[in-house]
N, C-alpha and C. Protein backbone atom coordinates (compact mmCIF):
# COMPACT_ATOMS: atom_id res chain seq x y z
N TYR A 1 -3.87 3.28 3.87
CA TYR A 1 -3.93 2.97 2.46
C TYR A 1 -3.61 1.50 2.23
N PHE A 2 -4.28 0.93 1.26
CA PHE A 2 -4.04 -0.42 0.77
C PHE A 2 -3.33 -0.25 -0.56
N LEU A 3 -2.15 -0.85 -0.71
CA LEU A 3 -1.38 -0.74 -1.93
C LEU A 3 -1.13 -2.13 -2.50
N ARG A 4 -1.28 -2.27 -3.81
CA ARG A 4 -0.98 -3.54 -4.47
C ARG A 4 -0.07 -3.27 -5.65
N PHE A 5 1.04 -4.01 -5.67
CA PHE A 5 2.01 -3.90 -6.75
C PHE A 5 2.17 -5.26 -7.41
N ASN A 6 2.39 -5.28 -8.71
CA ASN A 6 2.78 -6.49 -9.42
C ASN A 6 4.28 -6.33 -9.66
N ILE A 7 5.06 -7.19 -9.03
CA ILE A 7 6.51 -7.01 -9.02
C ILE A 7 7.24 -8.26 -9.48
N GLN A 8 8.49 -8.08 -9.89
CA GLN A 8 9.35 -9.21 -10.19
C GLN A 8 9.71 -9.90 -8.87
N ASP A 9 9.77 -11.21 -8.92
CA ASP A 9 10.10 -11.99 -7.73
C ASP A 9 11.61 -12.23 -7.69
N LYS A 10 12.32 -11.24 -7.13
CA LYS A 10 13.77 -11.38 -7.01
C LYS A 10 14.26 -10.58 -5.81
N PRO A 11 15.46 -10.90 -5.32
CA PRO A 11 15.98 -10.22 -4.14
C PRO A 11 16.12 -8.71 -4.33
N GLY A 12 15.82 -7.96 -3.28
CA GLY A 12 16.02 -6.52 -3.28
C GLY A 12 14.81 -5.69 -3.66
N VAL A 13 13.76 -6.33 -4.20
CA VAL A 13 12.58 -5.59 -4.65
C VAL A 13 11.86 -4.94 -3.47
N LEU A 14 11.63 -5.71 -2.42
CA LEU A 14 10.94 -5.17 -1.25
C LEU A 14 11.73 -4.01 -0.65
N SER A 15 13.03 -4.14 -0.63
CA SER A 15 13.89 -3.08 -0.09
C SER A 15 13.73 -1.78 -0.89
N LYS A 16 13.68 -1.88 -2.22
CA LYS A 16 13.51 -0.70 -3.06
C LYS A 16 12.17 -0.02 -2.79
N ILE A 17 11.11 -0.81 -2.73
CA ILE A 17 9.77 -0.25 -2.54
C ILE A 17 9.62 0.34 -1.14
N SER A 18 10.05 -0.40 -0.13
CA SER A 18 9.93 0.11 1.24
C SER A 18 10.80 1.34 1.46
N GLY A 19 11.95 1.40 0.79
CA GLY A 19 12.82 2.57 0.88
C GLY A 19 12.15 3.82 0.33
N ILE A 20 11.47 3.67 -0.81
CA ILE A 20 10.75 4.80 -1.39
C ILE A 20 9.62 5.24 -0.49
N LEU A 21 8.87 4.29 0.04
CA LEU A 21 7.78 4.64 0.96
C LEU A 21 8.34 5.39 2.17
N GLY A 22 9.43 4.90 2.74
CA GLY A 22 10.05 5.54 3.89
C GLY A 22 10.53 6.95 3.58
N SER A 23 11.06 7.14 2.39
CA SER A 23 11.55 8.48 2.03
C SER A 23 10.42 9.49 1.87
N HIS A 24 9.19 8.98 1.72
CA HIS A 24 8.00 9.84 1.63
C HIS A 24 7.20 9.82 2.94
N GLU A 25 7.87 9.38 4.03
CA GLU A 25 7.27 9.35 5.36
C GLU A 25 6.01 8.48 5.43
N ILE A 26 6.07 7.33 4.75
CA ILE A 26 4.97 6.37 4.75
C ILE A 26 5.45 5.12 5.47
N SER A 27 4.74 4.76 6.52
CA SER A 27 5.10 3.60 7.33
C SER A 27 4.22 2.40 6.94
N ILE A 28 4.83 1.25 6.81
CA ILE A 28 4.12 0.02 6.44
C ILE A 28 3.53 -0.61 7.70
N GLU A 29 2.24 -0.87 7.67
CA GLU A 29 1.55 -1.54 8.77
C GLU A 29 1.68 -3.06 8.63
N SER A 30 1.46 -3.56 7.43
CA SER A 30 1.59 -4.99 7.16
C SER A 30 1.81 -5.20 5.66
N MET A 31 2.30 -6.38 5.31
CA MET A 31 2.50 -6.70 3.90
C MET A 31 2.45 -8.20 3.70
N ILE A 32 2.13 -8.59 2.46
CA ILE A 32 2.11 -10.01 2.13
C ILE A 32 2.49 -10.19 0.67
N GLN A 33 3.27 -11.23 0.43
CA GLN A 33 3.59 -11.65 -0.93
C GLN A 33 3.51 -13.16 -0.92
N ARG A 34 2.71 -13.72 -1.80
CA ARG A 34 2.58 -15.18 -1.86
C ARG A 34 3.05 -15.70 -3.20
N GLY A 35 3.60 -16.89 -3.16
CA GLY A 35 3.97 -17.57 -4.39
C GLY A 35 5.27 -17.08 -4.98
N HIS A 36 5.57 -17.65 -6.12
CA HIS A 36 6.78 -17.31 -6.87
C HIS A 36 6.37 -16.86 -8.25
N GLY A 37 7.07 -15.87 -8.77
CA GLY A 37 6.76 -15.34 -10.09
C GLY A 37 7.31 -16.19 -11.21
N GLU A 38 6.63 -16.16 -12.33
CA GLU A 38 7.10 -16.81 -13.54
C GLU A 38 8.19 -15.93 -14.14
N GLU A 39 8.92 -16.46 -15.08
CA GLU A 39 9.96 -15.69 -15.77
C GLU A 39 9.39 -14.42 -16.41
N SER A 40 8.21 -14.55 -17.04
CA SER A 40 7.65 -13.43 -17.79
C SER A 40 6.72 -12.53 -16.98
N GLY A 41 6.25 -13.02 -15.85
CA GLY A 41 5.28 -12.26 -15.06
C GLY A 41 5.83 -11.85 -13.73
N GLY A 42 4.93 -11.42 -12.87
CA GLY A 42 5.33 -10.99 -11.55
C GLY A 42 4.44 -11.60 -10.49
N VAL A 43 4.64 -11.17 -9.28
CA VAL A 43 3.82 -11.59 -8.16
C VAL A 43 3.19 -10.36 -7.52
N SER A 44 2.11 -10.59 -6.81
CA SER A 44 1.45 -9.48 -6.11
C SER A 44 2.12 -9.22 -4.77
N LEU A 45 2.40 -7.96 -4.52
CA LEU A 45 2.87 -7.50 -3.22
C LEU A 45 1.80 -6.56 -2.69
N ILE A 46 1.23 -6.91 -1.55
CA ILE A 46 0.14 -6.13 -0.97
C ILE A 46 0.60 -5.54 0.35
N MET A 47 0.35 -4.25 0.51
CA MET A 47 0.75 -3.55 1.73
C MET A 47 -0.40 -2.73 2.29
N MET A 48 -0.47 -2.69 3.60
CA MET A 48 -1.32 -1.75 4.31
C MET A 48 -0.38 -0.75 4.96
N CYS A 49 -0.73 0.52 4.84
CA CYS A 49 0.13 1.57 5.39
C CYS A 49 -0.57 2.26 6.56
N HIS A 50 0.24 2.78 7.46
CA HIS A 50 -0.29 3.61 8.53
C HIS A 50 -0.75 4.94 7.93
N LEU A 51 -1.32 5.77 8.76
CA LEU A 51 -1.81 7.07 8.32
C LEU A 51 -0.72 7.83 7.58
N ALA A 52 -1.06 8.34 6.39
CA ALA A 52 -0.12 9.11 5.56
C ALA A 52 -0.91 10.11 4.74
N SER A 53 -0.23 11.14 4.28
CA SER A 53 -0.92 12.14 3.47
C SER A 53 -1.11 11.62 2.05
N GLU A 54 -2.19 12.05 1.43
CA GLU A 54 -2.49 11.67 0.05
C GLU A 54 -1.35 12.10 -0.88
N GLU A 55 -0.81 13.27 -0.65
CA GLU A 55 0.28 13.79 -1.48
C GLU A 55 1.50 12.87 -1.40
N ASN A 56 1.86 12.45 -0.19
CA ASN A 56 3.01 11.56 -0.02
C ASN A 56 2.78 10.22 -0.70
N ILE A 57 1.58 9.68 -0.55
CA ILE A 57 1.24 8.40 -1.19
C ILE A 57 1.37 8.52 -2.70
N GLN A 58 0.76 9.55 -3.28
CA GLN A 58 0.78 9.71 -4.73
C GLN A 58 2.21 9.90 -5.25
N ASN A 59 3.01 10.71 -4.55
CA ASN A 59 4.40 10.92 -4.97
C ASN A 59 5.21 9.63 -4.90
N ALA A 60 4.99 8.85 -3.85
CA ALA A 60 5.70 7.58 -3.70
C ALA A 60 5.30 6.60 -4.81
N LEU A 61 4.01 6.53 -5.12
CA LEU A 61 3.54 5.62 -6.17
C LEU A 61 4.14 5.97 -7.53
N LYS A 62 4.22 7.26 -7.82
CA LYS A 62 4.83 7.69 -9.09
C LYS A 62 6.27 7.21 -9.18
N GLU A 63 6.99 7.32 -8.08
CA GLU A 63 8.39 6.90 -8.05
C GLU A 63 8.51 5.38 -8.13
N ILE A 64 7.67 4.67 -7.41
CA ILE A 64 7.71 3.19 -7.40
C ILE A 64 7.38 2.64 -8.78
N GLU A 65 6.41 3.22 -9.45
CA GLU A 65 6.00 2.72 -10.77
C GLU A 65 7.09 2.89 -11.82
N GLN A 66 8.09 3.71 -11.55
CA GLN A 66 9.21 3.89 -12.48
C GLN A 66 10.28 2.82 -12.32
N LEU A 67 10.21 2.04 -11.25
CA LEU A 67 11.21 0.99 -11.02
C LEU A 67 11.10 -0.11 -12.07
N GLU A 68 12.24 -0.63 -12.50
CA GLU A 68 12.27 -1.73 -13.48
C GLU A 68 11.64 -3.00 -12.92
N VAL A 69 11.61 -3.15 -11.61
CA VAL A 69 11.10 -4.38 -10.99
C VAL A 69 9.58 -4.39 -10.83
N VAL A 70 8.95 -3.27 -11.16
CA VAL A 70 7.48 -3.18 -11.06
C VAL A 70 6.90 -3.45 -12.43
N CYS A 71 5.96 -4.41 -12.48
CA CYS A 71 5.35 -4.84 -13.74
C CYS A 71 3.94 -4.26 -13.83
N GLY A 72 3.81 -3.06 -14.35
CA GLY A 72 2.49 -2.46 -14.54
C GLY A 72 2.12 -1.46 -13.47
N LYS A 73 0.90 -0.94 -13.61
CA LYS A 73 0.39 0.09 -12.72
C LYS A 73 0.00 -0.50 -11.37
N SER A 74 0.26 0.25 -10.32
CA SER A 74 -0.11 -0.19 -8.97
C SER A 74 -1.57 0.14 -8.70
N ASN A 75 -2.10 -0.47 -7.64
CA ASN A 75 -3.46 -0.21 -7.21
C ASN A 75 -3.43 0.44 -5.84
N LEU A 76 -4.33 1.39 -5.63
CA LEU A 76 -4.42 2.13 -4.37
C LEU A 76 -5.87 2.14 -3.93
N ILE A 77 -6.09 1.81 -2.68
CA ILE A 77 -7.42 1.94 -2.06
C ILE A 77 -7.23 2.70 -0.76
N ARG A 78 -7.97 3.77 -0.60
CA ARG A 78 -7.92 4.52 0.66
C ARG A 78 -8.77 3.76 1.69
N VAL A 79 -8.21 3.55 2.86
CA VAL A 79 -8.91 2.87 3.94
C VAL A 79 -9.14 3.89 5.05
N GLU A 80 -10.40 4.13 5.35
CA GLU A 80 -10.73 5.10 6.39
C GLU A 80 -11.25 4.35 7.61
N ARG A 81 -10.70 4.66 8.75
CA ARG A 81 -11.11 4.02 10.00
C ARG A 81 -11.80 5.06 10.87
N TYR A 82 -13.01 4.74 11.28
CA TYR A 82 -13.78 5.65 12.12
C TYR A 82 -14.00 5.02 13.49
N LYS A 83 -14.06 5.85 14.49
CA LYS A 83 -14.39 5.37 15.84
C LYS A 83 -15.38 6.37 16.43
N TRP A 84 -16.46 5.85 16.93
CA TRP A 84 -17.47 6.71 17.52
C TRP A 84 -16.95 7.37 18.79
N ASN A 85 -17.46 8.51 19.09
CA ASN A 85 -17.11 9.24 20.30
C ASN A 85 -17.97 8.70 21.45
N LEU A 86 -17.34 8.10 22.43
CA LEU A 86 -18.07 7.50 23.54
C LEU A 86 -18.83 8.54 24.36
N LYS A 87 -18.35 9.78 24.39
CA LYS A 87 -19.03 10.84 25.14
C LYS A 87 -20.38 11.18 24.53
N LEU A 88 -20.56 10.87 23.25
CA LEU A 88 -21.83 11.15 22.58
C LEU A 88 -22.80 9.98 22.68
N GLY A 89 -22.39 8.95 23.40
CA GLY A 89 -23.29 7.83 23.62
C GLY A 89 -23.13 6.68 22.65
N PHE A 90 -22.22 6.76 21.73
CA PHE A 90 -21.99 5.65 20.81
C PHE A 90 -20.93 4.75 21.42
N ASN A 91 -21.13 3.45 21.30
CA ASN A 91 -20.18 2.54 21.92
C ASN A 91 -19.70 1.46 20.96
N ALA A 92 -19.78 1.71 19.68
CA ALA A 92 -19.36 0.70 18.71
C ALA A 92 -18.25 1.24 17.82
N LEU A 93 -17.46 0.35 17.34
CA LEU A 93 -16.42 0.70 16.38
C LEU A 93 -16.97 0.45 14.99
N ILE A 94 -16.94 1.44 14.13
CA ILE A 94 -17.43 1.29 12.76
C ILE A 94 -16.42 0.47 11.98
N PRO A 95 -16.88 -0.48 11.19
CA PRO A 95 -15.95 -1.24 10.34
C PRO A 95 -15.23 -0.32 9.37
N ASN A 96 -14.12 -0.81 8.87
CA ASN A 96 -13.36 -0.05 7.88
C ASN A 96 -14.22 0.27 6.68
N VAL A 97 -14.05 1.45 6.13
CA VAL A 97 -14.76 1.85 4.92
C VAL A 97 -13.71 2.00 3.83
N LEU A 98 -13.92 1.31 2.73
CA LEU A 98 -12.95 1.35 1.65
C LEU A 98 -13.45 2.26 0.54
N THR A 99 -12.61 3.15 0.09
CA THR A 99 -12.92 4.03 -1.01
C THR A 99 -11.90 3.77 -2.11
N VAL A 100 -12.35 3.33 -3.25
CA VAL A 100 -11.44 3.01 -4.35
C VAL A 100 -10.99 4.29 -5.01
N MET A 101 -9.69 4.43 -5.16
CA MET A 101 -9.10 5.60 -5.79
C MET A 101 -8.75 5.23 -7.23
N SER A 102 -8.99 6.12 -8.15
CA SER A 102 -8.64 5.84 -9.55
C SER A 102 -7.33 6.49 -9.90
């Protein structure tokens, strides 16, 4: 899963979000946050997660969106990774397929 949050730029925010993900058995593959937030706005925090259940992701997002440090609704994109079966004669790795979740 690809997750995007608009968050306040202050200490402890990443800890709160990653703690909630961990409590729902969601492991972070990578993350990035660039820049500094304005007083009135936030910054984007983008995460890629390892394989997780849809139910766990949705429950975690509901909890994260209730945090005071989150500014608005989060974005979720399901990322599906396919690999051909070499025994069937395919020898290529299919690129990631992105499915936008509403």
